[in-house]
């Protein structure tokens, strides 16, 4: 069962948001949508990856970027 946070992120990704890895140690991620951003947990990013909701897109300034399908 997906959490409400998972469903909200899927909705944001569908409307053009993307996720960016902002640091490697410790791993941390942010979701960006229009001019806003918010931190999201690495566990949630892994869940999105394994569910094939997001995929790796590119590296921007050394940071991995993930987008929705």
Protein backbone atom coordinates (compact mmCIF):
# COMPACT_ATOMS: atom_id res chain seq x y z
CA UNK A 1 0.00 0.00 0.00
CA UNK A 2 1.35 3.41 -0.93
CA UNK A 3 1.50 6.24 1.58
CA UNK A 4 -0.14 9.60 1.05
CA UNK A 5 3.34 11.14 0.69
CA UNK A 6 4.16 8.65 -2.10
CA UNK A 7 0.90 9.50 -3.89
CA UNK A 8 1.53 13.25 -3.51
CA UNK A 9 5.00 12.92 -5.02
CA UNK A 10 3.63 10.88 -7.94
CA UNK A 11 1.10 13.67 -8.55
CA UNK A 12 3.83 16.35 -8.46
CA UNK A 13 6.02 14.33 -10.84
CA UNK A 14 3.11 14.06 -13.26
CA UNK A 15 2.84 17.86 -13.26
CA UNK A 16 6.51 18.43 -14.10
CA UNK A 17 8.39 18.11 -10.80
CA UNK A 18 11.75 16.38 -10.57
CA UNK A 19 13.87 14.89 -7.78
CA UNK A 20 17.51 15.75 -7.32
CA UNK A 21 20.17 14.09 -5.19
CA UNK A 22 21.68 17.02 -3.29
CA UNK A 23 24.45 15.22 -1.38
CA UNK A 24 26.20 11.88 -1.41
CA UNK A 25 27.21 11.51 2.24
CA UNK A 26 24.70 11.19 3.70
CA UNK A 27 22.40 10.62 0.73
CA UNK A 28 19.79 13.34 0.61
CA UNK A 29 17.21 14.31 -1.97
CA UNK A 30 14.89 17.21 -2.72
CA UNK A 31 11.84 17.42 -4.95
CA UNK A 32 11.54 20.56 -7.07
CA UNK A 33 8.30 21.89 -8.51
CA UNK A 34 8.09 25.32 -10.10
CA UNK A 35 9.89 27.61 -7.58
CA UNK A 36 9.44 25.40 -4.52
CA UNK A 37 11.44 22.49 -3.16
CA UNK A 38 11.21 20.14 -0.20
CA UNK A 39 13.41 17.39 1.23
CA UNK A 40 12.33 13.78 0.74
CA UNK A 41 13.71 10.64 2.32
CA UNK A 42 16.08 8.28 0.57
CA UNK A 43 13.75 5.40 1.39
CA UNK A 44 10.94 7.09 -0.50
CA UNK A 45 13.23 7.69 -3.50
CA UNK A 46 14.16 3.99 -3.47
CA UNK A 47 10.48 3.05 -3.35
CA UNK A 48 9.80 5.32 -6.34
CA UNK A 49 12.72 3.75 -8.24
CA UNK A 50 11.70 0.16 -7.55
CA UNK A 51 8.09 0.95 -8.45
CA UNK A 52 9.39 2.45 -11.71
CA UNK A 53 7.66 5.74 -11.02
CA UNK A 54 10.92 7.64 -11.55
CA UNK A 55 14.02 7.04 -13.63
CA UNK A 56 17.49 8.53 -13.71
CA UNK A 57 17.58 11.37 -16.17
CA UNK A 58 20.95 13.12 -16.11
CA UNK A 59 23.60 14.75 -13.94
CA UNK A 60 23.38 18.50 -13.46
CA UNK A 61 26.42 20.08 -11.77
CA UNK A 62 27.36 16.64 -10.44
CA UNK A 63 23.91 15.96 -9.00
CA UNK A 64 21.78 13.06 -10.22
CA UNK A 65 18.34 14.13 -11.40
CA UNK A 66 15.30 11.83 -11.50
CA UNK A 67 12.11 12.42 -13.47
CA UNK A 68 8.73 10.78 -13.78
CA UNK A 69 7.76 8.72 -16.81
